[in-house]
C-alpha cells in the first residue's frame, strides 16, 4: 500500500511511542495523498498511527480507542493561510467525518486533525477545536 502513495512514506505515520507501528488504513492514506496533491505543497504529519501505549492513548479510560488507533486519522501541521486552504480542501471531502482545528500556540505546532472513522464508538460526523 505504501508504494501506491505519491507523497507519503510509512515512517511519517509511525507511532511515536517507540514501537514504530504504522497500521494505517489504505483508503485513508489514499485520501490523504489526494488531499496533498490538491494542496500543492508538502504536508507534515505530526501524528499518525497511535498504539495503546502511545502517551495520548494510554491516558484514556480505554487505551487505544481513539481515532488515531483505527489507522484512519492523522494530524497535519498547518497554520494561518495554509491551514485555511487545507481546511477548504478537507471540508469538501465527504469521506472526512472528523475534523479538528488547533490554531493556538506556537505557529509551528498548529495543526488540523483529519479522520474517516465514521459512525460507531466515536460521534461522527463532527467538527471541533482544541
N, C-alpha and C. Protein backbone atom coordinates (compact mmCIF):
# COMPACT_ATOMS: atom_id res chain seq x y z
N UNK A 1 0.81 -1.20 0.00
CA UNK A 1 0.00 0.00 0.00
C UNK A 1 0.85 1.26 0.00
N UNK A 2 1.97 1.24 0.72
CA UNK A 2 2.81 2.44 0.82
C UNK A 2 3.41 2.82 -0.52
N UNK A 3 3.70 1.83 -1.35
CA UNK A 3 4.30 2.12 -2.66
C UNK A 3 3.29 2.77 -3.61
N UNK A 4 2.00 2.72 -3.29
CA UNK A 4 0.96 3.33 -4.12
C UNK A 4 0.82 4.83 -3.87
N UNK A 5 1.46 5.33 -2.82
CA UNK A 5 1.33 6.75 -2.47
C UNK A 5 2.38 7.58 -3.20
N UNK A 6 1.96 8.75 -3.63
CA UNK A 6 2.88 9.64 -4.32
C UNK A 6 3.69 10.50 -3.35
N UNK A 7 3.05 10.92 -2.24
CA UNK A 7 3.66 11.95 -1.40
C UNK A 7 4.11 11.50 -0.01
N UNK A 8 3.65 10.38 0.47
CA UNK A 8 3.92 9.99 1.85
C UNK A 8 4.63 8.65 1.95
N UNK A 9 5.36 8.47 3.05
CA UNK A 9 6.05 7.22 3.33
C UNK A 9 5.64 6.73 4.72
N UNK A 10 5.83 5.46 4.95
CA UNK A 10 5.38 4.80 6.17
C UNK A 10 5.89 5.49 7.44
N UNK A 11 7.14 5.88 7.47
CA UNK A 11 7.74 6.45 8.68
C UNK A 11 7.01 7.73 9.12
N UNK A 12 6.37 8.43 8.20
CA UNK A 12 5.68 9.67 8.55
C UNK A 12 4.44 9.42 9.41
N UNK A 13 3.88 8.22 9.33
CA UNK A 13 2.67 7.87 10.07
C UNK A 13 2.95 6.94 11.25
N UNK A 14 4.22 6.64 11.52
CA UNK A 14 4.59 5.69 12.57
C UNK A 14 4.27 6.23 13.96
N UNK A 15 3.85 5.33 14.84
CA UNK A 15 3.55 5.67 16.23
C UNK A 15 4.81 6.21 16.89
N UNK A 16 4.63 7.22 17.71
CA UNK A 16 5.77 7.88 18.35
C UNK A 16 6.07 7.34 19.76
N UNK A 17 5.45 6.21 20.13
CA UNK A 17 5.74 5.64 21.45
C UNK A 17 7.07 4.89 21.43
N UNK A 18 7.56 4.60 20.24
CA UNK A 18 8.79 3.84 20.11
C UNK A 18 8.57 2.51 19.40
N UNK A 19 7.31 2.10 19.24
CA UNK A 19 7.03 0.82 18.57
C UNK A 19 7.15 0.94 17.05
N UNK A 20 7.04 2.17 16.54
CA UNK A 20 7.15 2.47 15.11
C UNK A 20 6.10 1.78 14.24
N UNK A 21 5.01 1.29 14.84
CA UNK A 21 3.91 0.71 14.04
C UNK A 21 3.24 1.82 13.25
N UNK A 22 2.83 1.47 12.05
CA UNK A 22 2.11 2.41 11.18
C UNK A 22 0.95 1.65 10.53
N UNK A 23 0.07 1.14 11.38
CA UNK A 23 -1.04 0.30 10.92
C UNK A 23 -2.17 1.17 10.36
N UNK A 24 -1.86 1.83 9.26
CA UNK A 24 -2.81 2.77 8.67
C UNK A 24 -3.74 2.08 7.67
N UNK A 25 -4.93 2.63 7.55
CA UNK A 25 -5.94 2.15 6.61
C UNK A 25 -5.56 2.62 5.20
N UNK A 26 -5.54 1.72 4.24
CA UNK A 26 -5.12 2.03 2.88
C UNK A 26 -6.01 3.09 2.23
N UNK A 27 -7.30 3.03 2.44
CA UNK A 27 -8.22 4.01 1.85
C UNK A 27 -7.99 5.39 2.43
N UNK A 28 -7.73 5.45 3.73
CA UNK A 28 -7.44 6.74 4.37
C UNK A 28 -6.17 7.34 3.79
N UNK A 29 -5.13 6.53 3.66
CA UNK A 29 -3.86 7.02 3.12
C UNK A 29 -4.03 7.53 1.69
N UNK A 30 -4.80 6.83 0.89
CA UNK A 30 -5.04 7.27 -0.49
C UNK A 30 -5.74 8.63 -0.49
N UNK A 31 -6.70 8.82 0.41
CA UNK A 31 -7.41 10.10 0.51
C UNK A 31 -6.45 11.22 0.93
N UNK A 32 -5.61 10.97 1.92
CA UNK A 32 -4.66 11.98 2.38
C UNK A 32 -3.67 12.32 1.25
N UNK A 33 -3.27 11.33 0.49
CA UNK A 33 -2.39 11.56 -0.65
C UNK A 33 -3.08 12.45 -1.70
N UNK A 34 -4.36 12.21 -1.94
CA UNK A 34 -5.12 13.03 -2.89
C UNK A 34 -5.27 14.47 -2.37
N UNK A 35 -5.51 14.60 -1.08
CA UNK A 35 -5.61 15.94 -0.47
C UNK A 35 -4.29 16.67 -0.65
N UNK A 36 -3.18 15.98 -0.43
CA UNK A 36 -1.84 16.59 -0.60
C UNK A 36 -1.65 17.05 -2.03
N UNK A 37 -2.08 16.27 -3.00
CA UNK A 37 -1.94 16.65 -4.41
C UNK A 37 -2.71 17.94 -4.68
N UNK A 38 -3.92 18.04 -4.15
CA UNK A 38 -4.72 19.24 -4.35
C UNK A 38 -4.14 20.44 -3.60
N UNK A 39 -3.58 20.19 -2.43
CA UNK A 39 -2.98 21.26 -1.62
C UNK A 39 -1.79 21.89 -2.35
N UNK A 40 -1.02 21.07 -3.04
CA UNK A 40 0.06 21.59 -3.86
C UNK A 40 1.35 21.92 -3.16
N UNK A 41 1.48 21.55 -1.92
CA UNK A 41 2.73 21.77 -1.20
C UNK A 41 2.88 20.70 -0.12
N UNK A 42 4.08 20.50 0.39
CA UNK A 42 4.28 19.45 1.39
C UNK A 42 3.36 19.58 2.61
N UNK A 43 2.98 18.44 3.14
CA UNK A 43 2.17 18.37 4.37
C UNK A 43 2.96 17.53 5.37
N UNK A 44 3.22 18.10 6.54
CA UNK A 44 3.94 17.38 7.59
C UNK A 44 2.94 16.71 8.51
N UNK A 45 3.07 15.40 8.66
CA UNK A 45 2.21 14.63 9.56
C UNK A 45 2.83 14.69 10.95
N UNK A 46 2.12 15.33 11.89
CA UNK A 46 2.66 15.42 13.25
C UNK A 46 2.24 14.24 14.11
N UNK A 47 1.15 13.58 13.73
CA UNK A 47 0.72 12.38 14.43
C UNK A 47 -0.09 11.52 13.48
N UNK A 48 0.32 10.28 13.35
CA UNK A 48 -0.39 9.33 12.50
C UNK A 48 -0.99 8.24 13.37
N UNK A 49 -0.47 7.02 13.20
CA UNK A 49 -0.98 5.89 13.98
C UNK A 49 -0.58 6.02 15.45
N UNK A 50 -1.48 5.63 16.35
CA UNK A 50 -1.18 5.60 17.79
C UNK A 50 -1.60 4.25 18.35
N UNK A 51 -0.65 3.52 18.88
CA UNK A 51 -0.97 2.25 19.54
C UNK A 51 -1.47 2.55 20.95
N UNK A 52 -1.91 1.52 21.66
CA UNK A 52 -2.45 1.70 23.02
C UNK A 52 -1.40 2.23 23.99
N UNK A 53 -0.11 2.08 23.67
CA UNK A 53 0.96 2.56 24.56
C UNK A 53 1.36 4.00 24.30
N UNK A 54 0.87 4.59 23.22
CA UNK A 54 1.18 5.99 22.91
C UNK A 54 0.71 6.85 24.09
N UNK A 55 1.47 7.88 24.44
CA UNK A 55 1.17 8.68 25.63
C UNK A 55 -0.24 9.25 25.64
N UNK A 56 -0.77 9.64 24.49
CA UNK A 56 -2.13 10.19 24.43
C UNK A 56 -3.15 9.08 24.63
N UNK A 57 -2.95 7.94 23.98
CA UNK A 57 -3.88 6.83 24.08
C UNK A 57 -3.86 6.19 25.47
N UNK A 58 -2.68 6.09 26.06
CA UNK A 58 -2.53 5.45 27.37
C UNK A 58 -3.28 6.19 28.48
N UNK A 59 -3.52 7.49 28.29
CA UNK A 59 -4.23 8.28 29.30
C UNK A 59 -5.74 8.08 29.24
N UNK A 60 -6.23 7.47 28.20
CA UNK A 60 -7.68 7.30 28.03
C UNK A 60 -8.21 6.20 28.93
N UNK A 61 -9.50 6.31 29.25
CA UNK A 61 -10.14 5.29 30.08
C UNK A 61 -9.96 3.91 29.46
N UNK A 62 -10.11 3.83 28.14
CA UNK A 62 -9.86 2.60 27.39
C UNK A 62 -8.75 2.89 26.38
N UNK A 63 -7.49 2.64 26.76
CA UNK A 63 -6.37 2.95 25.86
C UNK A 63 -6.53 2.29 24.49
N UNK A 64 -6.14 3.03 23.47
CA UNK A 64 -6.19 2.50 22.12
C UNK A 64 -7.55 2.59 21.47
N UNK A 65 -8.41 3.48 21.96
CA UNK A 65 -9.76 3.58 21.40
C UNK A 65 -9.98 4.87 20.62
N UNK A 66 -8.95 5.69 20.48
CA UNK A 66 -9.10 6.95 19.77
C UNK A 66 -9.06 6.78 18.26
N UNK A 67 -9.38 7.84 17.56
CA UNK A 67 -9.41 7.81 16.09
C UNK A 67 -8.07 7.39 15.49
N UNK A 68 -6.97 7.86 16.06
CA UNK A 68 -5.65 7.52 15.53
C UNK A 68 -5.37 6.02 15.63
N UNK A 69 -5.94 5.37 16.62
CA UNK A 69 -5.71 3.93 16.80
C UNK A 69 -6.43 3.08 15.76
N UNK A 70 -7.33 3.69 15.01
CA UNK A 70 -8.03 2.95 13.96
C UNK A 70 -7.22 2.92 12.66
N UNK A 71 -6.19 3.78 12.58
CA UNK A 71 -5.43 3.89 11.35
C UNK A 71 -6.13 4.75 10.32
N UNK A 72 -7.18 5.43 10.76
CA UNK A 72 -7.97 6.28 9.86
C UNK A 72 -7.94 7.73 10.30
N UNK A 73 -6.80 8.17 10.86
CA UNK A 73 -6.69 9.55 11.34
C UNK A 73 -5.24 10.00 11.29
N UNK A 74 -5.08 11.32 11.15
CA UNK A 74 -3.75 11.92 11.25
C UNK A 74 -3.91 13.39 11.58
N UNK A 75 -2.84 13.97 12.10
CA UNK A 75 -2.76 15.40 12.35
C UNK A 75 -1.74 15.96 11.36
N UNK A 76 -2.11 17.06 10.71
CA UNK A 76 -1.25 17.70 9.72
C UNK A 76 -0.87 19.08 10.21
N UNK A 77 0.43 19.36 10.30
CA UNK A 77 0.86 20.70 10.71
C UNK A 77 0.43 21.71 9.65
N UNK A 78 -0.26 22.75 10.10
CA UNK A 78 -0.71 23.81 9.19
C UNK A 78 -1.12 25.00 10.03
N UNK A 79 -0.76 26.20 9.58
CA UNK A 79 -1.10 27.42 10.30
C UNK A 79 -1.45 28.52 9.32
N UNK A 80 -2.22 29.48 9.80
CA UNK A 80 -2.54 30.67 9.02
C UNK A 80 -3.22 30.35 7.70
N UNK A 81 -2.72 30.98 6.63
CA UNK A 81 -3.29 30.80 5.29
C UNK A 81 -3.24 29.36 4.81
N UNK A 82 -2.15 28.65 5.14
CA UNK A 82 -2.05 27.24 4.75
C UNK A 82 -3.14 26.42 5.43
N UNK A 83 -3.39 26.70 6.70
CA UNK A 83 -4.45 25.98 7.42
C UNK A 83 -5.81 26.27 6.79
N UNK A 84 -6.04 27.52 6.39
CA UNK A 84 -7.30 27.89 5.77
C UNK A 84 -7.49 27.16 4.45
N UNK A 85 -6.44 27.14 3.61
CA UNK A 85 -6.52 26.45 2.32
C UNK A 85 -6.74 24.96 2.52
N UNK A 86 -6.00 24.35 3.45
CA UNK A 86 -6.14 22.93 3.71
C UNK A 86 -7.54 22.62 4.25
N UNK A 87 -8.04 23.48 5.11
CA UNK A 87 -9.39 23.30 5.66
C UNK A 87 -10.44 23.32 4.55
N UNK A 88 -10.30 24.21 3.60
CA UNK A 88 -11.23 24.26 2.46
C UNK A 88 -11.21 22.95 1.67
N UNK A 89 -10.03 22.43 1.42
CA UNK A 89 -9.89 21.20 0.65
C UNK A 89 -10.48 20.02 1.42
N UNK A 90 -10.14 19.92 2.69
CA UNK A 90 -10.59 18.81 3.52
C UNK A 90 -12.11 18.84 3.71
N UNK A 91 -12.67 20.03 3.93
CA UNK A 91 -14.11 20.15 4.16
C UNK A 91 -14.92 19.70 2.94
N UNK A 92 -14.32 19.72 1.77
CA UNK A 92 -15.01 19.30 0.55
C UNK A 92 -14.95 17.79 0.33
N UNK A 93 -14.26 17.07 1.22
CA UNK A 93 -14.12 15.61 1.09
C UNK A 93 -15.20 14.92 1.91
N UNK A 94 -16.19 14.30 1.28
CA UNK A 94 -17.27 13.66 2.05
C UNK A 94 -16.81 12.50 2.93
N UNK A 95 -15.65 11.92 2.61
CA UNK A 95 -15.15 10.80 3.42
C UNK A 95 -14.64 11.25 4.79
N UNK A 96 -14.26 12.51 4.89
CA UNK A 96 -13.76 13.03 6.17
C UNK A 96 -14.95 13.21 7.11
N UNK A 97 -14.92 12.47 8.23
CA UNK A 97 -16.03 12.53 9.19
C UNK A 97 -15.63 13.17 10.51
N UNK A 98 -14.34 13.40 10.70
CA UNK A 98 -13.84 14.07 11.89
C UNK A 98 -12.82 15.11 11.48
N UNK A 99 -13.03 16.34 11.95
CA UNK A 99 -12.13 17.43 11.60
C UNK A 99 -11.89 18.28 12.84
N UNK A 100 -10.64 18.27 13.31
CA UNK A 100 -10.26 19.06 14.47
C UNK A 100 -9.33 20.18 14.06
N UNK A 101 -9.51 21.34 14.66
CA UNK A 101 -8.72 22.51 14.30
C UNK A 101 -8.00 23.03 15.54
N UNK A 102 -6.66 23.09 15.46
CA UNK A 102 -5.86 23.68 16.52
C UNK A 102 -5.03 24.79 15.89
N UNK A 103 -5.43 26.03 16.15
CA UNK A 103 -4.72 27.18 15.61
C UNK A 103 -4.27 28.11 16.74
N UNK A 104 -4.01 27.52 17.91
CA UNK A 104 -3.47 28.26 19.06
C UNK A 104 -2.04 27.81 19.31
N UNK A 105 -1.33 28.61 20.05
CA UNK A 105 0.02 28.24 20.44
C UNK A 105 1.05 28.57 19.37
N UNK A 106 2.26 28.04 19.54
CA UNK A 106 3.34 28.35 18.59
C UNK A 106 2.95 27.99 17.15
N UNK A 107 3.34 28.85 16.23
CA UNK A 107 2.98 28.72 14.81
C UNK A 107 3.33 27.33 14.28
N UNK A 108 4.48 26.82 14.60
CA UNK A 108 4.95 25.53 14.08
C UNK A 108 4.30 24.31 14.71
N UNK A 109 3.42 24.52 15.70
CA UNK A 109 2.74 23.40 16.35
C UNK A 109 1.25 23.37 16.05
N UNK A 110 0.76 24.28 15.23
CA UNK A 110 -0.66 24.34 14.90
C UNK A 110 -0.97 23.25 13.87
N UNK A 111 -2.18 22.68 13.96
CA UNK A 111 -2.48 21.55 13.09
C UNK A 111 -3.97 21.40 12.82
N UNK A 112 -4.26 20.55 11.84
CA UNK A 112 -5.62 20.09 11.56
C UNK A 112 -5.62 18.58 11.75
N UNK A 113 -6.64 18.08 12.43
CA UNK A 113 -6.85 16.64 12.58
C UNK A 113 -7.84 16.22 11.51
N UNK A 114 -7.53 15.13 10.80
CA UNK A 114 -8.41 14.58 9.78
C UNK A 114 -8.69 13.13 10.10
N UNK A 115 -9.94 12.69 9.97
CA UNK A 115 -10.20 11.26 10.10
C UNK A 115 -11.42 10.83 9.28
N UNK A 116 -11.46 9.53 9.04
CA UNK A 116 -12.57 8.91 8.31
C UNK A 116 -13.17 7.79 9.14
N UNK A 117 -13.16 7.96 10.46
CA UNK A 117 -13.60 6.91 11.37
C UNK A 117 -15.05 6.50 11.11
N UNK A 118 -15.94 7.44 10.84
CA UNK A 118 -17.33 7.11 10.58
C UNK A 118 -18.09 6.84 11.86
N UNK A 119 -19.34 6.45 11.72
CA UNK A 119 -20.21 6.20 12.87
C UNK A 119 -19.72 5.00 13.66
N UNK A 120 -20.04 4.98 14.93
CA UNK A 120 -19.63 3.86 15.78
C UNK A 120 -19.31 4.35 17.17
N UNK A 121 -18.15 3.96 17.68
CA UNK A 121 -17.76 4.29 19.04
C UNK A 121 -17.54 5.79 19.23
N UNK A 122 -17.11 6.48 18.17
CA UNK A 122 -16.88 7.92 18.25
C UNK A 122 -18.02 8.65 17.55
N UNK A 123 -18.50 9.76 18.12
CA UNK A 123 -19.58 10.51 17.47
C UNK A 123 -19.09 11.10 16.14
N UNK A 124 -19.77 10.78 15.08
CA UNK A 124 -19.41 11.27 13.75
C UNK A 124 -20.66 11.54 12.95
N UNK A 125 -20.63 12.48 12.00
CA UNK A 125 -19.55 13.41 11.71
C UNK A 125 -19.45 14.48 12.78
N UNK A 126 -18.27 15.06 12.92
CA UNK A 126 -18.09 16.09 13.92
C UNK A 126 -16.93 17.01 13.56
N UNK A 127 -17.02 18.22 14.09
CA UNK A 127 -16.00 19.26 13.94
C UNK A 127 -15.71 19.79 15.31
N UNK A 128 -14.44 19.99 15.66
CA UNK A 128 -14.09 20.52 16.97
C UNK A 128 -12.84 21.38 16.89
N UNK A 129 -12.63 22.14 17.93
CA UNK A 129 -11.40 22.91 18.07
C UNK A 129 -10.71 22.48 19.36
N UNK A 130 -9.43 22.68 19.42
CA UNK A 130 -8.65 22.29 20.60
C UNK A 130 -8.42 23.52 21.46
